[in-house]
Amino acid sequence: MKKVTKIAMLVLIAGLLSTVGCTKEGKQGVAGVNGKNGNANVQTTILVANNASNWMWNSGGSWRQASWSGINQLSLTNISSGAVMLYQEDGGGGYLPLPVTIKYNGKIESNWFTFGTGSLTVVVQNTDNSDPIANIPLPARYKLVVIPSAARRANPEVDLMNYQEVKSFYQLKD
């Protein structure tokens, strides 16, 4: 009986202390200084197709593709909820976002890409079904940029179709 009484007293005391304990009333503290925007775990990699042998014809012979595998940035999390962007070097120091259709050496050429967990494929096709690789300066360089979903949601104003804006905002290095 003494043991039951002691336990009941301890429970009663603990209950009283929890309801009449300290409060967090007080003055509001001074606001801290805003930190500098970082790249929020934005990941980049350069993909290069060095020569025509890197570009395989499709079975019908109307377009070519170059593929890469083992790309760690293309994790299941990143590809299911983040932004995956690919930019093609334009030969003048800049990058064009894919997909893109351009007139190059008198030909109209379409460039697009597909991706999956750890892999990426670039497809190039001329509208007249001629060999598109004849128009591409080799090595062909691409910049893959993977932006986690939280960074994309926090910065919806960043124009992902403008590589210079993406590079500047997320502080990417070439």
C-alpha atoms as a PDB file:
ATOM      1  CA  MET A   1       0.000   0.000   0.000  1.00  0.00           C
ATOM      2  CA  LYS A   2       2.891   2.350   0.791  1.00  0.00           C
ATOM      3  CA  LYS A   3       4.378   1.610  -2.636  1.00  0.00           C
ATOM      4  CA  VAL A   4       1.076   2.420  -4.413  1.00  0.00           C
ATOM      5  CA  THR A   5       0.774   5.662  -2.420  1.00  0.00           C
ATOM      6  CA  LYS A   6       4.332   6.710  -3.336  1.00  0.00           C
ATOM      7  CA  ILE A   7       3.721   6.012  -7.010  1.00  0.00           C
ATOM      8  CA  ALA A   8       0.438   7.947  -6.923  1.00  0.00           C
ATOM      9  CA  MET A   9       2.188  10.900  -5.217  1.00  0.00           C
ATOM     10  CA  LEU A  10       4.988  10.894  -7.830  1.00  0.00           C
ATOM     11  CA  VAL A  11       2.455  10.874 -10.663  1.00  0.00           C
ATOM     12  CA  LEU A  12       0.509  13.718  -8.997  1.00  0.00           C
ATOM     13  CA  ILE A  13       3.667  15.810  -8.464  1.00  0.00           C
ATOM     14  CA  ALA A  14       4.844  15.198 -12.051  1.00  0.00           C
ATOM     15  CA  GLY A  15       1.409  16.221 -13.352  1.00  0.00           C
ATOM     16  CA  LEU A  16       1.395  19.425 -11.304  1.00  0.00           C
ATOM     17  CA  LEU A  17       4.920  20.365 -12.348  1.00  0.00           C
ATOM     18  CA  SER A  18       4.137  19.854 -16.021  1.00  0.00           C
ATOM     19  CA  THR A  19       1.092  22.153 -15.879  1.00  0.00           C
ATOM     20  CA  VAL A  20       2.610  24.944 -13.781  1.00  0.00           C
ATOM     21  CA  GLY A  21       6.142  24.811 -15.175  1.00  0.00           C
ATOM     22  CA  CYS A  22       8.059  27.602 -16.863  1.00  0.00           C
ATOM     23  CA  THR A  23       6.637  29.609 -19.723  1.00  0.00           C
ATOM     24  CA  LYS A  24       8.391  31.071 -22.733  1.00  0.00           C
ATOM     25  CA  GLU A  25       7.002  34.579 -22.317  1.00  0.00           C
ATOM     26  CA  GLY A  26       9.504  37.313 -23.087  1.00  0.00           C
ATOM     27  CA  LYS A  27      10.666  39.876 -25.605  1.00  0.00           C
ATOM     28  CA  GLN A  28      11.153  38.994 -29.241  1.00  0.00           C
ATOM     29  CA  GLY A  29      14.818  38.659 -30.123  1.00  0.00           C
ATOM     30  CA  VAL A  30      16.571  40.688 -32.808  1.00  0.00           C
ATOM     31  CA  ALA A  31      16.205  39.280 -36.319  1.00  0.00           C
ATOM     32  CA  GLY A  32      19.321  37.634 -37.686  1.00  0.00           C
ATOM     33  CA  VAL A  33      21.097  38.615 -40.870  1.00  0.00           C
ATOM     34  CA  ASN A  34      19.896  36.844 -44.000  1.00  0.00           C
ATOM     35  CA  GLY A  35      22.432  34.393 -45.343  1.00  0.00           C
ATOM     36  CA  LYS A  36      23.693  34.312 -48.919  1.00  0.00           C
ATOM     37  CA  ASN A  37      21.827  32.049 -51.332  1.00  0.00           C
ATOM     38  CA  GLY A  38      23.862  28.954 -52.027  1.00  0.00           C
ATOM     39  CA  ASN A  39      23.552  26.319 -54.665  1.00  0.00           C
ATOM     40  CA  ALA A  40      21.247  24.201 -52.469  1.00  0.00           C
ATOM     41  CA  ASN A  41      22.873  20.907 -53.440  1.00  0.00           C
ATOM     42  CA  VAL A  42      22.533  21.572 -57.153  1.00  0.00           C
ATOM     43  CA  GLN A  43      24.710  19.022 -58.944  1.00  0.00           C
ATOM     44  CA  THR A  44      26.370  19.330 -62.331  1.00  0.00           C
ATOM     45  CA  THR A  45      28.443  17.182 -64.622  1.00  0.00           C
ATOM     46  CA  ILE A  46      29.868  17.551 -68.127  1.00  0.00           C
ATOM     47  CA  LEU A  47      29.059  14.852 -70.680  1.00  0.00           C
ATOM     48  CA  VAL A  48      31.193  14.630 -73.824  1.00  0.00           C
ATOM     49  CA  ALA A  49      30.723  12.716 -77.069  1.00  0.00           C
ATOM     50  CA  ASN A  50      34.250  12.902 -78.504  1.00  0.00           C
ATOM     51  CA  ASN A  51      33.738  11.600 -82.024  1.00  0.00           C
ATOM     52  CA  ALA A  52      31.184  10.147 -84.441  1.00  0.00           C
ATOM     53  CA  SER A  53      31.696   6.628 -83.055  1.00  0.00           C
ATOM     54  CA  ASN A  54      30.053   7.815 -79.804  1.00  0.00           C
ATOM     55  CA  TRP A  55      26.849   8.448 -81.789  1.00  0.00           C
ATOM     56  CA  MET A  56      24.883   5.325 -82.687  1.00  0.00           C
ATOM     57  CA  TRP A  57      22.311   5.205 -85.503  1.00  0.00           C
ATOM     58  CA  ASN A  58      18.825   4.106 -84.553  1.00  0.00           C
ATOM     59  CA  SER A  59      17.581   0.962 -86.287  1.00  0.00           C
ATOM     60  CA  GLY A  60      15.736   2.967 -88.971  1.00  0.00           C
ATOM     61  CA  GLY A  61      18.731   5.185 -89.700  1.00  0.00           C
ATOM     62  CA  SER A  62      16.885   8.486 -89.225  1.00  0.00           C
ATOM     63  CA  TRP A  63      18.591   9.772 -86.077  1.00  0.00           C
ATOM     64  CA  ARG A  64      21.645   9.245 -83.874  1.00  0.00           C
ATOM     65  CA  GLN A  65      22.020   8.966 -80.153  1.00  0.00           C
ATOM     66  CA  ALA A  66      24.821   9.168 -77.606  1.00  0.00           C
ATOM     67  CA  SER A  67      24.308   7.535 -74.202  1.00  0.00           C
ATOM     68  CA  TRP A  68      25.984   7.726 -70.818  1.00  0.00           C
ATOM     69  CA  SER A  69      25.499   5.551 -67.745  1.00  0.00           C
ATOM     70  CA  GLY A  70      26.725   5.606 -64.151  1.00  0.00           C
ATOM     71  CA  ILE A  71      25.582   9.212 -63.630  1.00  0.00           C
ATOM     72  CA  ASN A  72      25.251   9.476 -59.847  1.00  0.00           C
ATOM     73  CA  GLN A  73      23.347  12.779 -60.002  1.00  0.00           C
ATOM     74  CA  LEU A  74      20.439  10.962 -61.665  1.00  0.00           C
ATOM     75  CA  SER A  75      19.256   9.242 -58.507  1.00  0.00           C
ATOM     76  CA  LEU A  76      15.672   8.042 -58.167  1.00  0.00           C
ATOM     77  CA  THR A  77      14.919  10.914 -55.754  1.00  0.00           C
ATOM     78  CA  ASN A  78      16.323  13.569 -58.084  1.00  0.00           C
ATOM     79  CA  ILE A  79      14.586  12.315 -61.203  1.00  0.00           C
ATOM     80  CA  SER A  80      11.226  11.747 -59.520  1.00  0.00           C
ATOM     81  CA  SER A  81      10.917  15.119 -57.791  1.00  0.00           C
ATOM     82  CA  GLY A  82      13.751  17.447 -58.852  1.00  0.00           C
ATOM     83  CA  ALA A  83      14.533  19.315 -62.064  1.00  0.00           C
ATOM     84  CA  VAL A  84      16.828  17.592 -64.579  1.00  0.00           C
ATOM     85  CA  MET A  85      18.170  19.991 -67.200  1.00  0.00           C
ATOM     86  CA  LEU A  86      20.604  19.373 -70.029  1.00  0.00           C
ATOM     87  CA  TYR A  87      22.358  22.156 -71.897  1.00  0.00           C
ATOM     88  CA  GLN A  88      24.270  21.729 -75.173  1.00  0.00           C
ATOM     89  CA  GLU A  89      27.423  23.771 -75.714  1.00  0.00           C
ATOM     90  CA  ASP A  90      26.764  26.135 -78.613  1.00  0.00           C
ATOM     91  CA  GLY A  91      30.338  26.494 -79.880  1.00  0.00           C
ATOM     92  CA  GLY A  92      30.512  30.136 -78.818  1.00  0.00           C
ATOM     93  CA  GLY A  93      31.022  29.734 -75.090  1.00  0.00           C
ATOM     94  CA  GLY A  94      27.348  29.422 -74.189  1.00  0.00           C
ATOM     95  CA  TYR A  95      24.862  26.607 -73.669  1.00  0.00           C
ATOM     96  CA  LEU A  96      21.454  25.920 -75.252  1.00  0.00           C
ATOM     97  CA  PRO A  97      18.761  24.156 -73.207  1.00  0.00           C
ATOM     98  CA  LEU A  98      17.492  20.852 -74.574  1.00  0.00           C
ATOM     99  CA  PRO A  99      15.142  20.139 -76.200  1.00  0.00           C
ATOM    100  CA  VAL A 100      16.068  22.582 -78.966  1.00  0.00           C
ATOM    101  CA  THR A 101      15.557  22.851 -82.714  1.00  0.00           C
ATOM    102  CA  ILE A 102      18.135  24.952 -84.531  1.00  0.00           C
ATOM    103  CA  LYS A 103      19.256  25.770 -88.044  1.00  0.00           C
ATOM    104  CA  TYR A 104      22.857  24.675 -88.295  1.00  0.00           C
ATOM    105  CA  ASN A 105      24.929  24.655 -91.489  1.00  0.00           C
ATOM    106  CA  GLY A 106      21.759  24.942 -93.595  1.00  0.00           C
ATOM    107  CA  LYS A 107      20.044  22.000 -91.865  1.00  0.00           C
ATOM    108  CA  ILE A 108      17.210  22.062 -89.354  1.00  0.00           C
ATOM    109  CA  GLU A 109      18.256  19.870 -86.463  1.00  0.00           C
ATOM    110  CA  SER A 110      16.342  18.742 -83.381  1.00  0.00           C
ATOM    111  CA  ASN A 111      18.153  17.754 -80.195  1.00  0.00           C
ATOM    112  CA  TRP A 112      16.471  16.225 -77.173  1.00  0.00           C
ATOM    113  CA  PHE A 113      17.295  13.909 -74.309  1.00  0.00           C
ATOM    114  CA  THR A 114      15.832  11.145 -72.213  1.00  0.00           C
ATOM    115  CA  PHE A 115      16.998   9.946 -68.830  1.00  0.00           C
ATOM    116  CA  GLY A 116      16.469   7.329 -66.184  1.00  0.00           C
ATOM    117  CA  THR A 117      18.118   6.325 -62.937  1.00  0.00           C
ATOM    118  CA  GLY A 118      21.841   6.768 -63.568  1.00  0.00           C
ATOM    119  CA  SER A 119      21.619   7.122 -67.360  1.00  0.00           C
ATOM    120  CA  LEU A 120      21.042   9.734 -70.024  1.00  0.00           C
ATOM    121  CA  THR A 121      20.688   9.655 -73.826  1.00  0.00           C
ATOM    122  CA  VAL A 122      20.947  12.585 -76.244  1.00  0.00           C
ATOM    123  CA  VAL A 123      19.152  12.212 -79.575  1.00  0.00           C
ATOM    124  CA  VAL A 124      19.964  14.311 -82.642  1.00  0.00           C
ATOM    125  CA  GLN A 125      17.907  14.325 -85.856  1.00  0.00           C
ATOM    126  CA  ASN A 126      17.868  16.451 -89.016  1.00  0.00           C
ATOM    127  CA  THR A 127      14.471  17.151 -90.548  1.00  0.00           C
ATOM    128  CA  ASP A 128      15.649  15.690 -93.869  1.00  0.00           C
ATOM    129  CA  ASN A 129      16.924  12.509 -92.121  1.00  0.00           C
ATOM    130  CA  SER A 130      20.500  13.182 -93.240  1.00  0.00           C
ATOM    131  CA  ASP A 131      23.337  12.393 -90.845  1.00  0.00           C
ATOM    132  CA  PRO A 132      23.034  14.983 -88.049  1.00  0.00           C
ATOM    133  CA  ILE A 133      26.546  14.310 -86.775  1.00  0.00           C
ATOM    134  CA  ALA A 134      27.959  15.947 -89.893  1.00  0.00           C
ATOM    135  CA  ASN A 135      26.602  19.235 -88.482  1.00  0.00           C
ATOM    136  CA  ILE A 136      27.790  18.873 -84.905  1.00  0.00           C
ATOM    137  CA  PRO A 137      31.217  20.187 -83.977  1.00  0.00           C
ATOM    138  CA  LEU A 138      32.954  17.357 -82.139  1.00  0.00           C
ATOM    139  CA  PRO A 139      33.587  16.846 -79.347  1.00  0.00           C
ATOM    140  CA  ALA A 140      29.968  17.601 -78.471  1.00  0.00           C
ATOM    141  CA  ARG A 141      29.734  18.859 -74.892  1.00  0.00           C
ATOM    142  CA  TYR A 142      26.665  18.833 -72.679  1.00  0.00           C
ATOM    143  CA  LYS A 143      26.168  20.149 -69.156  1.00  0.00           C
ATOM    144  CA  LEU A 144      23.781  18.208 -66.932  1.00  0.00           C
ATOM    145  CA  VAL A 145      22.267  20.233 -64.074  1.00  0.00           C
ATOM    146  CA  VAL A 146      20.196  18.468 -61.406  1.00  0.00           C
ATOM    147  CA  ILE A 147      18.247  20.699 -59.026  1.00  0.00           C
ATOM    148  CA  PRO A 148      16.671  19.056 -55.947  1.00  0.00           C
ATOM    149  CA  SER A 149      12.938  19.654 -55.535  1.00  0.00           C
ATOM    150  CA  ALA A 150      13.335  21.842 -52.418  1.00  0.00           C
ATOM    151  CA  ALA A 151      15.705  24.194 -54.252  1.00  0.00           C
ATOM    152  CA  ARG A 152      13.387  24.378 -57.256  1.00  0.00           C
ATOM    153  CA  ARG A 153      10.303  25.079 -55.100  1.00  0.00           C
ATOM    154  CA  ALA A 154      12.185  27.746 -53.131  1.00  0.00           C
ATOM    155  CA  ASN A 155      13.316  29.516 -56.330  1.00  0.00           C
ATOM    156  CA  PRO A 156      10.562  29.224 -58.949  1.00  0.00           C
ATOM    157  CA  GLU A 157      11.623  32.535 -60.519  1.00  0.00           C
ATOM    158  CA  VAL A 158      14.851  31.035 -61.922  1.00  0.00           C
ATOM    159  CA  ASP A 159      14.412  30.533 -65.680  1.00  0.00           C
ATOM    160  CA  LEU A 160      15.688  27.002 -66.260  1.00  0.00           C
ATOM    161  CA  MET A 161      15.725  27.587 -70.025  1.00  0.00           C
ATOM    162  CA  ASN A 162      18.427  30.242 -69.537  1.00  0.00           C
ATOM    163  CA  TYR A 163      21.712  28.537 -68.625  1.00  0.00           C
ATOM    164  CA  GLN A 164      23.433  31.819 -67.713  1.00  0.00           C
ATOM    165  CA  GLU A 165      20.670  32.606 -65.214  1.00  0.00           C
ATOM    166  CA  VAL A 166      20.832  29.084 -63.725  1.00  0.00           C
ATOM    167  CA  LYS A 167      24.631  29.285 -63.545  1.00  0.00           C
ATOM    168  CA  SER A 168      24.584  32.694 -61.870  1.00  0.00           C
ATOM    169  CA  PHE A 169      21.767  31.979 -59.404  1.00  0.00           C
ATOM    170  CA  TYR A 170      23.036  28.575 -58.252  1.00  0.00           C
ATOM    171  CA  GLN A 171      26.712  29.671 -58.443  1.00  0.00           C
ATOM    172  CA  LEU A 172      27.685  26.900 -60.864  1.00  0.00           C
ATOM    173  CA  LYS A 173      31.170  26.560 -62.250  1.00  0.00           C
ATOM    174  CA  ASP A 174      31.914  25.720 -65.879  1.00  0.00           C
END
